[in-house]
N, C-alpha and C. Protein backbone atom coordinates (compact mmCIF):
# COMPACT_ATOMS: atom_id res chain seq x y z
N MET A 1 -2.54 1.65 24.69
CA MET A 1 -2.95 2.74 24.53
C MET A 1 -1.61 3.39 23.20
N LEU A 2 -1.85 3.51 22.61
CA LEU A 2 -0.14 4.36 21.71
C LEU A 2 0.06 6.08 22.38
N TYR A 3 1.62 6.09 22.55
CA TYR A 3 1.62 7.51 22.84
C TYR A 3 3.15 7.70 22.10
N ILE A 4 2.80 9.02 21.33
CA ILE A 4 4.03 9.42 20.34
C ILE A 4 4.70 10.73 21.00
N ILE A 5 5.95 10.63 21.05
CA ILE A 5 6.76 11.94 21.62
C ILE A 5 7.60 12.41 20.96
N LYS A 6 7.46 13.62 20.74
CA LYS A 6 7.92 14.47 19.20
C LYS A 6 9.50 14.98 20.45
N LEU A 7 10.50 15.14 19.89
CA LEU A 7 11.51 15.71 20.70
C LEU A 7 12.04 16.58 19.62
N LEU A 8 12.73 18.02 20.04
CA LEU A 8 13.59 19.28 19.52
C LEU A 8 15.01 18.53 19.21
N PRO A 9 15.74 18.88 18.36
CA PRO A 9 16.86 18.46 18.04
C PRO A 9 18.13 18.28 18.94
N ASN A 10 17.69 19.43 20.16
CA ASN A 10 18.47 19.53 21.10
C ASN A 10 17.95 18.39 22.41
N GLY A 11 17.23 17.58 22.09
CA GLY A 11 16.34 16.62 23.05
C GLY A 11 15.54 17.25 23.90
N VAL A 12 15.28 18.55 23.80
CA VAL A 12 14.00 18.96 24.59
C VAL A 12 12.74 18.53 23.81
N VAL A 13 11.49 18.60 24.45
CA VAL A 13 10.32 17.73 24.03
C VAL A 13 9.77 19.13 23.51
N ASP A 14 8.98 18.84 22.10
CA ASP A 14 8.37 19.72 21.12
C ASP A 14 7.12 20.10 21.80
N SER A 15 6.88 21.20 22.67
CA SER A 15 5.59 21.50 23.34
C SER A 15 4.33 22.12 22.47
N THR A 16 4.77 22.21 20.81
CA THR A 16 3.97 22.24 19.76
C THR A 16 3.48 21.29 19.27
N PHE A 17 3.87 20.24 19.78
CA PHE A 17 3.19 18.67 19.19
C PHE A 17 2.27 18.12 19.94
N GLY A 18 1.18 17.76 19.39
CA GLY A 18 0.42 17.13 20.74
C GLY A 18 -0.19 18.27 21.47
N ILE A 19 -0.27 17.49 22.96
CA ILE A 19 -0.48 18.32 23.48
C ILE A 19 1.06 18.14 24.81
N ASN A 20 1.36 19.43 25.06
CA ASN A 20 2.78 19.23 25.47
C ASN A 20 3.68 18.16 25.25
N GLY A 21 3.89 18.26 23.64
CA GLY A 21 4.72 17.40 22.83
C GLY A 21 4.17 16.00 22.80
N ILE A 22 3.37 15.42 23.52
CA ILE A 22 3.03 13.63 23.87
C ILE A 22 1.54 14.01 23.22
N LEU A 23 1.41 12.69 22.00
CA LEU A 23 0.48 12.50 21.40
C LEU A 23 -0.31 11.14 21.98
N ASN A 24 -1.66 11.08 22.47
CA ASN A 24 -1.84 9.96 22.87
C ASN A 24 -3.40 9.38 21.78
N PHE A 25 -3.17 7.94 21.35
CA PHE A 25 -4.32 7.80 20.68
C PHE A 25 -5.01 6.48 21.03
N LYS A 26 -5.88 7.30 22.30
CA LYS A 26 -6.89 6.66 23.19
C LYS A 26 -7.74 5.23 21.92
N ASP A 27 -8.09 5.34 20.78
CA ASP A 27 -9.03 4.64 20.24
C ASP A 27 -8.26 3.37 19.65
N CYS A 28 -6.29 3.43 20.27
CA CYS A 28 -5.68 2.62 19.15
C CYS A 28 -5.03 1.34 20.59
N ILE A 29 -6.38 0.92 21.11
CA ILE A 29 -5.85 -0.08 21.93
C ILE A 29 -5.59 -1.67 20.97
N GLY A 30 -4.38 -2.24 21.37
CA GLY A 30 -4.04 -3.07 20.21
C GLY A 30 -3.08 -3.10 19.40
N CYS A 31 -2.93 -1.52 19.12
CA CYS A 31 -2.24 -1.37 17.94
C CYS A 31 -0.41 -1.05 18.17
N ARG A 32 0.29 -1.43 17.22
CA ARG A 32 1.73 -2.16 17.81
C ARG A 32 2.35 -0.91 16.50
N VAL A 33 2.98 0.16 16.85
CA VAL A 33 3.39 0.52 15.85
C VAL A 33 4.96 -0.24 15.44
N ILE A 34 5.20 -0.23 13.84
CA ILE A 34 6.58 -0.78 13.11
C ILE A 34 7.37 0.24 12.85
N ARG A 35 6.92 1.44 11.99
CA ARG A 35 7.72 2.25 11.60
C ARG A 35 6.89 3.69 11.40
N ILE A 36 8.06 4.39 11.78
CA ILE A 36 7.49 6.28 11.78
C ILE A 36 8.38 6.78 10.45
N GLY A 37 7.62 7.65 9.66
CA GLY A 37 8.23 8.32 8.78
C GLY A 37 7.44 9.65 8.42
N VAL A 38 8.55 10.42 7.50
CA VAL A 38 7.63 11.74 7.36
C VAL A 38 7.69 12.09 5.99
N LEU A 39 6.67 12.66 5.22
CA LEU A 39 6.65 12.78 3.87
C LEU A 39 7.46 14.16 3.42
N SER A 40 7.15 14.32 2.31
CA SER A 40 7.98 15.67 1.70
C SER A 40 7.16 16.73 2.20
N ASN A 41 6.19 16.84 2.62
CA ASN A 41 5.41 18.00 2.74
C ASN A 41 5.38 18.10 4.67
N ASN A 42 6.17 17.04 5.29
CA ASN A 42 6.54 17.06 6.87
C ASN A 42 5.50 16.16 7.26
N LYS A 43 4.58 15.86 6.90
CA LYS A 43 3.24 15.12 7.42
C LYS A 43 3.94 13.65 7.90
N ILE A 44 3.49 13.70 9.07
CA ILE A 44 4.27 11.98 9.76
C ILE A 44 3.35 11.19 9.36
N ILE A 45 3.72 9.88 9.38
CA ILE A 45 3.29 8.29 8.96
C ILE A 45 3.33 7.57 10.38
N LEU A 46 2.82 7.11 10.16
CA LEU A 46 2.91 6.17 11.75
C LEU A 46 2.39 4.46 11.06
N ALA A 47 2.58 3.75 11.12
CA ALA A 47 2.50 2.38 10.12
C ALA A 47 2.69 0.94 11.66
N GLY A 48 1.40 0.09 11.10
CA GLY A 48 1.73 -0.95 12.07
C GLY A 48 0.76 -2.06 12.25
N THR A 49 0.51 -2.83 13.37
CA THR A 49 -0.37 -3.82 13.22
C THR A 49 -1.69 -3.48 14.87
N HIS A 50 -2.86 -3.79 13.47
CA HIS A 50 -3.91 -3.61 14.84
C HIS A 50 -4.36 -4.90 14.88
N ASP A 51 -4.69 -5.19 16.58
CA ASP A 51 -5.16 -6.69 16.68
C ASP A 51 -4.89 -7.80 16.24
N SER A 52 -3.49 -7.62 15.60
CA SER A 52 -3.07 -8.59 15.01
C SER A 52 -3.28 -9.22 13.83
N LYS A 53 -4.35 -8.48 12.77
CA LYS A 53 -5.16 -8.63 12.17
C LYS A 53 -5.28 -7.60 10.60
N TYR A 54 -4.77 -6.41 11.16
CA TYR A 54 -5.22 -5.49 10.20
C TYR A 54 -3.46 -4.19 9.82
N PHE A 55 -2.99 -4.14 9.05
CA PHE A 55 -2.09 -2.87 9.03
C PHE A 55 -2.42 -1.88 8.81
N PHE A 56 -2.27 -0.80 9.99
CA PHE A 56 -2.81 0.34 9.71
C PHE A 56 -2.22 1.27 9.36
N LEU A 57 -2.49 2.20 9.03
CA LEU A 57 -1.66 3.76 8.73
C LEU A 57 -2.45 5.09 9.34
N TYR A 58 -1.60 5.78 10.28
CA TYR A 58 -2.09 7.13 10.75
C TYR A 58 -1.08 8.34 9.89
N GLN A 59 -1.66 9.05 9.58
CA GLN A 59 -1.17 10.42 8.82
C GLN A 59 -1.66 11.98 9.68
N LEU A 60 -0.55 12.38 10.33
CA LEU A 60 -0.37 13.59 11.18
C LEU A 60 0.13 14.48 10.78
N ASN A 61 -0.51 15.56 10.80
CA ASN A 61 0.00 16.87 10.48
C ASN A 61 1.40 17.38 11.07
N PRO A 62 2.02 18.42 11.33
CA PRO A 62 3.19 18.61 11.70
C PRO A 62 3.07 18.80 13.21
N ASP A 63 1.86 19.01 13.46
CA ASP A 63 2.04 19.50 14.97
C ASP A 63 0.97 18.36 15.71
N GLY A 64 0.80 17.01 15.01
CA GLY A 64 0.49 16.04 15.73
C GLY A 64 -1.32 15.67 15.75
N SER A 65 -1.41 16.95 14.95
CA SER A 65 -3.22 16.35 14.74
C SER A 65 -3.56 15.94 13.60
N PRO A 66 -4.78 15.07 13.30
CA PRO A 66 -4.58 14.23 12.21
C PRO A 66 -4.91 14.82 11.16
N ASP A 67 -4.35 14.34 9.93
CA ASP A 67 -4.73 14.63 8.24
C ASP A 67 -6.13 14.29 8.23
N LEU A 68 -7.10 15.23 8.03
CA LEU A 68 -8.71 14.52 8.21
C LEU A 68 -8.78 14.46 6.46
N LYS A 69 -7.77 14.94 5.34
CA LYS A 69 -7.82 14.17 4.05
C LYS A 69 -7.69 12.86 3.65
N PHE A 70 -7.29 12.50 4.66
CA PHE A 70 -6.22 10.93 4.96
C PHE A 70 -7.62 9.96 5.53
N GLY A 71 -8.00 8.95 4.76
CA GLY A 71 -8.94 7.93 5.67
C GLY A 71 -10.25 8.79 6.18
N PRO A 72 -10.58 8.23 7.08
CA PRO A 72 -11.61 8.66 8.06
C PRO A 72 -10.61 9.10 9.52
N SER A 73 -10.75 10.45 9.50
CA SER A 73 -10.10 10.52 10.78
C SER A 73 -8.54 10.82 10.69
N GLY A 74 -7.91 10.35 9.77
CA GLY A 74 -6.68 10.28 9.34
C GLY A 74 -6.10 8.78 9.81
N LYS A 75 -6.81 8.35 9.72
CA LYS A 75 -6.29 6.66 9.77
C LYS A 75 -6.63 5.83 8.39
N PHE A 76 -5.68 5.01 8.30
CA PHE A 76 -6.46 3.84 7.00
C PHE A 76 -5.95 2.69 7.39
N GLU A 77 -7.16 1.95 7.64
CA GLU A 77 -6.78 -0.04 7.54
C GLU A 77 -7.22 -0.76 6.83
N ILE A 78 -6.20 -1.80 6.35
CA ILE A 78 -6.52 -2.86 5.85
C ILE A 78 -6.24 -4.21 5.96
N GLY A 79 -7.62 -5.28 5.88
CA GLY A 79 -7.02 -6.70 6.12
C GLY A 79 -7.42 -7.66 5.66
N PHE A 80 -6.88 -9.05 5.69
CA PHE A 80 -6.98 -9.83 4.40
C PHE A 80 -7.49 -10.82 5.06
N ASN A 81 -9.23 -10.87 4.98
CA ASN A 81 -10.34 -11.62 5.19
C ASN A 81 -9.94 -12.34 6.62
N ASN A 82 -9.65 -11.57 7.37
CA ASN A 82 -9.70 -11.94 8.95
C ASN A 82 -8.76 -12.76 9.57
N GLN A 83 -7.63 -12.74 8.60
CA GLN A 83 -6.13 -13.51 8.85
C GLN A 83 -5.50 -12.99 9.86
N LEU A 84 -4.95 -13.80 10.64
CA LEU A 84 -4.23 -13.17 11.54
C LEU A 84 -2.69 -12.61 10.56
N SER A 85 -2.52 -11.42 10.73
CA SER A 85 -1.59 -10.36 10.15
C SER A 85 -0.54 -9.78 10.70
N ASP A 86 0.99 -9.44 10.20
CA ASP A 86 1.52 -8.63 10.80
C ASP A 86 2.52 -8.12 9.85
N LEU A 87 2.77 -6.40 10.05
CA LEU A 87 3.24 -5.67 9.20
C LEU A 87 4.77 -5.59 9.67
N THR A 88 5.79 -5.89 8.97
CA THR A 88 7.06 -5.96 9.46
C THR A 88 8.06 -5.04 8.64
N GLU A 89 7.53 -4.09 7.72
CA GLU A 89 8.34 -3.21 6.98
C GLU A 89 7.21 -1.87 6.28
N MET A 90 7.40 -0.69 6.43
CA MET A 90 7.33 -0.04 5.82
C MET A 90 8.46 1.03 4.93
N ILE A 91 7.86 1.37 3.56
CA ILE A 91 9.25 2.35 3.01
C ILE A 91 8.34 3.46 2.37
N ILE A 92 9.08 4.93 2.34
CA ILE A 92 8.47 5.95 1.43
C ILE A 92 9.07 6.05 0.30
N ALA A 93 8.47 5.91 -1.03
CA ALA A 93 9.70 6.24 -1.96
C ALA A 93 9.49 6.99 -2.75
N LYS A 94 10.12 7.11 -3.80
CA LYS A 94 10.01 8.70 -4.36
C LYS A 94 8.27 8.85 -4.61
N ASN A 95 7.79 10.16 -4.47
CA ASN A 95 6.95 10.95 -4.64
C ASN A 95 5.81 10.53 -3.14
N ASP A 96 6.55 10.12 -2.77
CA ASP A 96 5.69 10.06 -1.35
C ASP A 96 4.62 9.11 -1.85
N GLN A 97 5.21 7.55 -2.15
CA GLN A 97 4.46 6.47 -2.37
C GLN A 97 5.01 5.56 -0.91
N ILE A 98 3.69 4.54 -0.77
CA ILE A 98 3.88 4.66 0.26
C ILE A 98 3.84 2.53 0.41
N PHE A 99 4.84 2.02 0.53
CA PHE A 99 4.59 0.43 0.69
C PHE A 99 4.66 0.00 1.85
N LEU A 100 4.03 -0.98 2.28
CA LEU A 100 3.70 -1.46 3.54
C LEU A 100 3.45 -3.13 3.07
N ALA A 101 4.46 -3.58 3.65
CA ALA A 101 4.83 -5.43 3.43
C ALA A 101 4.63 -6.07 4.93
N GLY A 102 4.53 -7.31 4.83
CA GLY A 102 4.17 -8.46 6.03
C GLY A 102 3.77 -9.50 5.55
N THR A 103 3.17 -9.93 6.47
CA THR A 103 2.90 -11.70 6.47
C THR A 103 1.04 -11.17 6.67
N SER A 104 0.57 -12.46 6.16
CA SER A 104 -0.68 -12.69 6.56
C SER A 104 -1.03 -14.63 6.31
N ASN A 105 -1.21 -14.79 7.23
CA ASN A 105 -1.58 -16.03 7.15
C ASN A 105 -0.60 -17.13 6.87
N ARG A 106 0.36 -16.68 7.09
CA ARG A 106 1.76 -17.29 6.16
C ARG A 106 2.30 -17.12 5.24
N ASP A 107 1.79 -15.90 4.29
CA ASP A 107 1.40 -15.77 2.92
C ASP A 107 2.40 -14.10 3.28
N PHE A 108 3.27 -13.86 2.06
CA PHE A 108 3.44 -12.39 1.94
C PHE A 108 2.55 -11.58 1.59
N ALA A 109 2.17 -10.41 2.04
CA ALA A 109 1.33 -9.26 1.66
C ALA A 109 2.40 -8.07 1.13
N ILE A 110 1.74 -7.42 0.70
CA ILE A 110 2.49 -5.52 0.04
C ILE A 110 1.32 -5.22 -0.38
N VAL A 111 1.16 -3.92 -0.06
CA VAL A 111 -0.02 -3.03 0.18
C VAL A 111 1.06 -1.70 -0.58
N LYS A 112 0.82 -1.21 -1.65
CA LYS A 112 1.13 0.29 -2.46
C LYS A 112 -0.08 1.19 -2.11
N ILE A 113 0.33 2.32 -1.27
CA ILE A 113 -0.17 3.68 -1.41
C ILE A 113 0.10 4.89 -1.92
N LEU A 114 -0.73 5.24 -2.86
CA LEU A 114 -0.37 6.40 -3.79
C LEU A 114 -0.48 7.33 -3.11
N PRO A 115 -0.09 8.95 -2.75
CA PRO A 115 -0.22 10.09 -2.18
C PRO A 115 -1.31 10.98 -2.64
N SER A 116 -1.74 10.35 -4.17
CA SER A 116 -3.17 11.07 -4.26
C SER A 116 -4.32 10.85 -3.79
N LEU A 117 -4.10 9.07 -3.44
CA LEU A 117 -5.38 8.92 -2.88
C LEU A 117 -5.95 9.08 -1.88
N ILE A 118 -7.70 9.88 -1.53
CA ILE A 118 -8.12 9.98 -0.17
C ILE A 118 -8.32 8.39 -0.35
N LEU A 119 -7.59 7.91 1.16
CA LEU A 119 -7.57 6.67 1.73
C LEU A 119 -8.33 6.20 2.48
N GLY A 120 -9.35 5.09 2.95
CA GLY A 120 -9.51 4.90 4.19
C GLY A 120 -10.85 3.97 3.75
N VAL A 121 -11.56 3.76 2.34
CA VAL A 121 -12.77 3.00 1.81
C VAL A 121 -11.53 1.79 1.32
N ILE A 122 -11.74 0.24 1.51
CA ILE A 122 -11.19 -0.46 1.15
C ILE A 122 -11.64 -0.66 -0.47
N ASP A 123 -10.66 -0.52 -1.51
CA ASP A 123 -11.04 -0.60 -2.93
C ASP A 123 -11.98 -1.77 -3.39
N LYS A 124 -13.36 -1.54 -3.68
CA LYS A 124 -14.11 -2.41 -3.88
C LYS A 124 -13.96 -2.86 -5.63
N SER A 125 -12.93 -2.22 -6.61
CA SER A 125 -13.30 -1.73 -8.09
C SER A 125 -12.82 -3.57 -8.33
N VAL A 126 -11.95 -3.95 -7.81
CA VAL A 126 -11.27 -5.47 -7.86
C VAL A 126 -11.52 -6.32 -6.95
N LYS A 127 -12.28 -7.45 -6.89
CA LYS A 127 -12.71 -8.39 -5.73
C LYS A 127 -11.40 -8.83 -5.17
N GLU A 128 -11.73 -8.77 -3.55
CA GLU A 128 -10.58 -8.91 -2.82
C GLU A 128 -9.87 -10.43 -3.20
N LYS A 129 -8.38 -10.15 -3.32
CA LYS A 129 -8.10 -11.43 -3.39
C LYS A 129 -7.99 -12.26 -4.50
N ILE A 130 -8.82 -11.60 -5.79
CA ILE A 130 -9.32 -12.29 -6.98
C ILE A 130 -8.25 -12.14 -8.24
N ILE A 131 -6.73 -11.24 -7.75
CA ILE A 131 -5.65 -11.29 -8.57
C ILE A 131 -5.35 -12.60 -8.65
N ASN A 132 -4.52 -12.94 -10.16
CA ASN A 132 -3.76 -14.03 -10.44
C ASN A 132 -2.79 -14.01 -10.92
N ILE A 133 -1.56 -14.01 -11.18
CA ILE A 133 -0.42 -13.90 -12.27
C ILE A 133 -0.21 -15.13 -12.18
N TYR A 134 0.39 -15.57 -13.49
CA TYR A 134 0.82 -17.19 -14.33
C TYR A 134 1.59 -17.08 -15.32
N PRO A 135 2.39 -17.81 -15.25
CA PRO A 135 3.43 -18.34 -14.44
C PRO A 135 3.55 -17.17 -13.10
N ASN A 136 3.83 -17.51 -12.08
CA ASN A 136 4.75 -16.50 -11.48
C ASN A 136 5.46 -17.20 -10.00
N PRO A 137 6.65 -17.29 -10.80
CA PRO A 137 7.76 -16.72 -10.87
C PRO A 137 7.40 -16.54 -12.57
N VAL A 138 7.71 -15.15 -13.18
CA VAL A 138 7.72 -14.95 -14.58
C VAL A 138 8.97 -15.37 -15.29
N HIS A 139 8.88 -16.32 -16.07
CA HIS A 139 9.91 -16.94 -17.33
C HIS A 139 9.60 -16.89 -18.42
N ASN A 140 10.77 -16.06 -19.04
CA ASN A 140 10.44 -16.26 -20.63
C ASN A 140 9.59 -14.98 -21.03
N ASP A 141 9.67 -14.10 -19.93
CA ASP A 141 8.22 -12.34 -20.04
C ASP A 141 7.32 -12.62 -20.37
N LEU A 142 6.88 -13.69 -20.75
CA LEU A 142 5.35 -14.01 -21.37
C LEU A 142 4.53 -14.15 -19.73
N PHE A 143 3.55 -13.41 -19.44
CA PHE A 143 2.66 -13.87 -18.35
C PHE A 143 1.32 -13.59 -18.53
N SER A 144 0.57 -13.77 -17.93
CA SER A 144 -1.28 -13.79 -17.47
C SER A 144 -1.78 -13.20 -16.29
N VAL A 145 -2.26 -12.29 -16.50
CA VAL A 145 -3.45 -11.63 -15.58
C VAL A 145 -4.75 -12.08 -15.34
N ASP A 146 -5.16 -12.47 -14.50
CA ASP A 146 -6.39 -12.77 -14.40
C ASP A 146 -7.13 -12.05 -12.91
N TYR A 147 -8.24 -11.44 -13.50
CA TYR A 147 -9.12 -10.66 -12.20
C TYR A 147 -10.40 -10.61 -12.27
N GLU A 148 -10.92 -9.89 -11.51
CA GLU A 148 -12.69 -10.02 -11.46
C GLU A 148 -13.21 -8.45 -11.09
N LEU A 149 -13.82 -7.81 -11.74
CA LEU A 149 -14.05 -6.73 -11.62
C LEU A 149 -15.75 -6.74 -10.98
N SER A 150 -16.46 -6.02 -10.05
CA SER A 150 -17.82 -6.15 -9.58
C SER A 150 -18.65 -5.04 -10.14
N PHE A 151 -18.09 -4.56 -11.27
CA PHE A 151 -19.23 -3.59 -12.00
C PHE A 151 -18.13 -2.68 -13.41
N ASP A 152 -18.95 -2.48 -14.47
CA ASP A 152 -17.77 -1.59 -15.57
C ASP A 152 -17.35 -1.10 -15.21
N GLN A 153 -16.13 -0.54 -15.54
CA GLN A 153 -15.16 0.81 -15.22
C GLN A 153 -14.30 0.74 -16.01
N VAL A 154 -13.62 1.80 -16.28
CA VAL A 154 -12.07 2.50 -17.33
C VAL A 154 -10.80 2.00 -16.08
N ILE A 155 -9.97 1.27 -16.56
CA ILE A 155 -9.18 0.55 -15.88
C ILE A 155 -7.24 1.12 -16.37
N SER A 156 -6.44 1.50 -15.59
CA SER A 156 -5.17 0.65 -15.85
C SER A 156 -4.60 -0.34 -15.58
N ILE A 157 -3.58 -1.07 -15.85
CA ILE A 157 -2.51 -1.74 -15.35
C ILE A 157 -1.07 -1.48 -15.53
N ALA A 158 -0.51 -1.38 -14.76
CA ALA A 158 0.66 -0.70 -14.58
C ALA A 158 1.97 -1.32 -13.85
N LEU A 159 3.05 -1.76 -14.34
CA LEU A 159 4.74 -2.64 -13.72
C LEU A 159 4.85 -1.31 -12.99
N TYR A 160 5.50 -1.44 -11.76
CA TYR A 160 6.39 -0.39 -11.10
C TYR A 160 7.56 -1.61 -10.45
N LYS A 161 8.66 -0.91 -9.89
CA LYS A 161 9.65 -1.79 -9.50
C LYS A 161 9.20 -1.54 -7.87
N THR A 162 9.98 -1.81 -6.94
CA THR A 162 9.71 -1.72 -5.34
C THR A 162 9.75 -0.52 -4.64
N ASN A 163 10.72 0.33 -5.37
CA ASN A 163 10.85 1.53 -5.06
C ASN A 163 10.04 2.73 -5.46
N GLY A 164 8.97 1.96 -6.54
CA GLY A 164 8.22 2.81 -6.64
C GLY A 164 8.12 3.64 -8.51
N GLN A 165 9.33 3.32 -8.78
CA GLN A 165 9.70 3.70 -10.00
C GLN A 165 8.62 2.84 -11.19
N LEU A 166 8.36 3.53 -11.75
CA LEU A 166 7.28 2.56 -12.97
C LEU A 166 8.15 2.06 -14.52
N VAL A 167 8.31 0.84 -14.04
CA VAL A 167 8.53 0.50 -15.70
C VAL A 167 7.92 0.16 -16.53
N LYS A 168 6.23 -0.18 -16.78
CA LYS A 168 5.53 0.14 -17.85
C LYS A 168 3.57 -0.20 -18.01
N LEU A 169 3.57 0.97 -17.95
CA LEU A 169 1.94 0.92 -18.47
C LEU A 169 1.58 0.40 -19.13
N LEU A 170 0.88 -1.27 -18.96
CA LEU A 170 0.27 -2.05 -20.01
C LEU A 170 -0.81 -1.83 -20.43
N ILE A 171 -1.73 -1.17 -19.63
CA ILE A 171 -3.06 -0.89 -20.26
C ILE A 171 -3.30 0.54 -19.71
N ASN A 172 -3.69 1.26 -20.23
CA ASN A 172 -4.06 2.90 -20.33
C ASN A 172 -5.47 3.26 -20.41
N GLY A 173 -6.19 3.35 -19.54
CA GLY A 173 -7.58 3.79 -19.43
C GLY A 173 -8.51 2.88 -20.37
N GLU A 174 -8.69 1.78 -20.08
CA GLU A 174 -9.39 0.69 -21.43
C GLU A 174 -10.27 0.58 -20.49
N LYS A 175 -11.49 0.23 -20.82
CA LYS A 175 -13.09 0.13 -20.55
C LYS A 175 -12.56 -1.60 -20.31
N ARG A 176 -13.28 -1.98 -19.12
CA ARG A 176 -13.62 -3.68 -19.23
C ARG A 176 -15.33 -3.41 -18.42
N PHE A 177 -15.75 -4.62 -18.66
CA PHE A 177 -16.94 -5.08 -18.16
C PHE A 177 -16.97 -6.19 -16.85
N SER A 178 -18.08 -5.91 -16.25
CA SER A 178 -17.70 -6.45 -15.00
C SER A 178 -18.03 -8.26 -15.36
N GLY A 179 -16.94 -8.77 -14.22
CA GLY A 179 -16.50 -10.41 -14.36
C GLY A 179 -15.46 -10.50 -14.57
N LYS A 180 -15.20 -11.73 -14.78
CA LYS A 180 -13.68 -12.02 -14.95
C LYS A 180 -12.86 -11.29 -16.02
N GLN A 181 -11.76 -11.33 -15.82
CA GLN A 181 -11.16 -10.31 -16.91
C GLN A 181 -9.58 -11.60 -17.27
N LEU A 182 -9.13 -11.49 -18.40
CA LEU A 182 -8.07 -12.26 -18.34
C LEU A 182 -6.74 -11.13 -19.54
N GLU A 183 -5.91 -10.90 -19.27
CA GLU A 183 -4.68 -10.01 -19.98
C GLU A 183 -3.78 -10.56 -19.94
N GLN A 184 -3.04 -10.98 -21.33
CA GLN A 184 -1.92 -11.24 -21.45
C GLN A 184 -0.77 -10.08 -21.97
N PHE A 185 0.09 -10.48 -21.09
CA PHE A 185 1.59 -9.30 -21.61
C PHE A 185 2.63 -10.03 -21.55
N GLU A 186 3.80 -9.08 -22.30
CA GLU A 186 5.20 -9.34 -22.39
C GLU A 186 5.83 -8.59 -21.44
N PHE A 187 7.11 -8.95 -20.41
CA PHE A 187 7.93 -8.31 -19.14
C PHE A 187 8.52 -7.50 -20.31
N PRO A 188 8.67 -5.69 -20.05
CA PRO A 188 9.86 -5.45 -20.54
C PRO A 188 11.03 -5.82 -20.54
N LYS A 189 11.62 -5.45 -21.83
CA LYS A 189 13.07 -6.17 -22.00
C LYS A 189 14.02 -5.45 -21.25
N GLY A 190 15.27 -5.91 -20.79
CA GLY A 190 16.42 -5.03 -20.09
C GLY A 190 16.16 -4.72 -18.76
N PHE A 191 15.24 -5.61 -18.28
CA PHE A 191 14.85 -5.39 -16.82
C PHE A 191 15.50 -6.66 -15.94
N ALA A 192 16.58 -6.35 -14.67
CA ALA A 192 16.98 -7.71 -13.94
C ALA A 192 15.60 -8.29 -13.12
N ASN A 193 16.16 -9.59 -13.15
CA ASN A 193 15.48 -10.29 -12.24
C ASN A 193 15.04 -9.77 -11.11
N GLY A 194 13.79 -10.22 -10.34
CA GLY A 194 13.55 -9.76 -8.91
C GLY A 194 12.06 -9.53 -8.82
N THR A 195 11.57 -8.74 -7.78
CA THR A 195 10.04 -8.46 -7.29
C THR A 195 9.82 -7.43 -8.04
N TYR A 196 8.58 -7.40 -8.74
CA TYR A 196 8.13 -6.00 -9.44
C TYR A 196 6.53 -6.01 -8.49
N ILE A 197 5.98 -4.81 -8.53
CA ILE A 197 4.40 -5.08 -8.56
C ILE A 197 3.59 -4.44 -9.57
N LEU A 198 2.49 -5.45 -9.38
CA LEU A 198 1.48 -5.25 -11.18
C LEU A 198 0.18 -4.53 -9.89
N GLU A 199 -0.06 -3.26 -10.62
CA GLU A 199 -1.17 -2.73 -10.31
C GLU A 199 -2.12 -2.60 -11.16
N ILE A 200 -3.46 -2.80 -11.05
CA ILE A 200 -4.78 -2.64 -11.19
C ILE A 200 -5.59 -1.19 -10.73
N LYS A 201 -5.64 -0.55 -11.64
CA LYS A 201 -6.15 0.78 -11.07
C LYS A 201 -7.40 1.94 -11.46
N SER A 202 -8.23 2.12 -11.03
CA SER A 202 -9.37 2.63 -11.79
C SER A 202 -10.18 3.88 -10.77
N LYS A 203 -10.84 4.93 -11.59
CA LYS A 203 -10.91 5.76 -10.27
C LYS A 203 -11.88 5.49 -8.95
N GLU A 204 -12.05 4.27 -8.99
CA GLU A 204 -12.54 3.74 -7.60
C GLU A 204 -11.45 3.33 -6.78
N GLY A 205 -10.20 3.18 -7.33
CA GLY A 205 -9.07 2.69 -6.30
C GLY A 205 -8.77 1.90 -7.37
N MET A 206 -7.93 1.13 -6.42
CA MET A 206 -6.61 -0.06 -6.92
C MET A 206 -6.11 -0.89 -6.15
N SER A 207 -6.02 -2.24 -6.80
CA SER A 207 -5.32 -3.09 -6.12
C SER A 207 -4.01 -3.37 -6.94
N SER A 208 -3.08 -4.25 -6.06
CA SER A 208 -1.74 -4.77 -6.52
C SER A 208 -1.09 -6.34 -6.22
N LYS A 209 -0.18 -6.81 -7.04
CA LYS A 209 0.13 -8.31 -6.66
C LYS A 209 1.66 -8.05 -7.01
N THR A 210 2.05 -8.88 -5.79
CA THR A 210 3.72 -9.04 -6.15
C THR A 210 4.29 -9.83 -7.38
N LEU A 211 4.88 -9.88 -7.97
CA LEU A 211 5.23 -10.42 -9.54
C LEU A 211 6.85 -10.39 -9.33
N ILE A 212 7.22 -12.06 -9.54
CA ILE A 212 8.82 -12.39 -9.30
C ILE A 212 9.34 -12.32 -10.81
N LEU A 213 10.25 -11.57 -11.48
CA LEU A 213 10.77 -12.36 -12.61
C LEU A 213 12.06 -13.12 -12.55
N MET A 214 12.12 -14.45 -13.44
CA MET A 214 13.09 -15.08 -12.83
C MET A 214 13.60 -15.89 -14.60
N ASN A 215 14.03 -15.10 -15.02
CA ASN A 215 14.19 -15.41 -16.92
C ASN A 215 15.16 -16.08 -16.69
N ASN A 216 15.81 -16.81 -17.54
CA ASN A 216 17.06 -17.93 -17.58
C ASN A 216 17.08 -18.70 -16.37
N PHE A 217 15.99 -19.60 -16.20
CA PHE A 217 16.05 -20.10 -14.79
C PHE A 217 15.32 -21.40 -15.53
C-alpha cells in the first residue's frame, strides 16, 4: 500500500491532511511513487509506476481528498501495449502542464498532460503507437508525420519545447478524415538542436511524439 504524510514547516504532522496527517492509498497495491509536485492552485500531484506496466498520476486537493474532476476518482493511468514500463521523471512546466518521462520495453516514453484536460480515458482519436516522424532526428528542417485516425475529426498539430513553450502551431483546427494521414512540415528557423514534442490534438484528446532536431550534422 501507498502512504503519504504531510508535515507543517515546523515539522509537525498536518492534522488537516488526510486522516490525522496521513493518507492511505489502499487501492494502489504495486504502486511506486517517483515524484510529488504542487500545482499553482495548490493541488498535489503524485506520479509513479503501477505494476511495472503503467505510468500513473494522482491529483489531490490540498486536504488530501482526491480531485474528482481529474480522471476517474482523481487518478490517471496510461500503459504501452502491456509492456514493462518505468517512470523516471515528472516535470510541472509553465501553466501547470505536466510531463512524464521514462522507458517502455527499452524505448523512451514521454507523456504530456495539459491542465485543461479531463483525464483518465486513454485518447482514442489517434490510434496508439501509430505516430511516425521521419527523418527523426530531423536534418535540414524538413520532416514528415504520418498517423492514423479512428474517425473523422478536426485536429491541430503543434510543436513544443520540453518545458511546454509553444514553438509553432503547424495545423490549426483542420478537418481530417478517418484512416492514414501524411503531413509535411518545415521546422521553424532559429531554434537550437535538441529534443522537442510534436502534439496531435482534437476535442477527443491528444497524442504526442518526441522529435529531435539535429541540423548541420
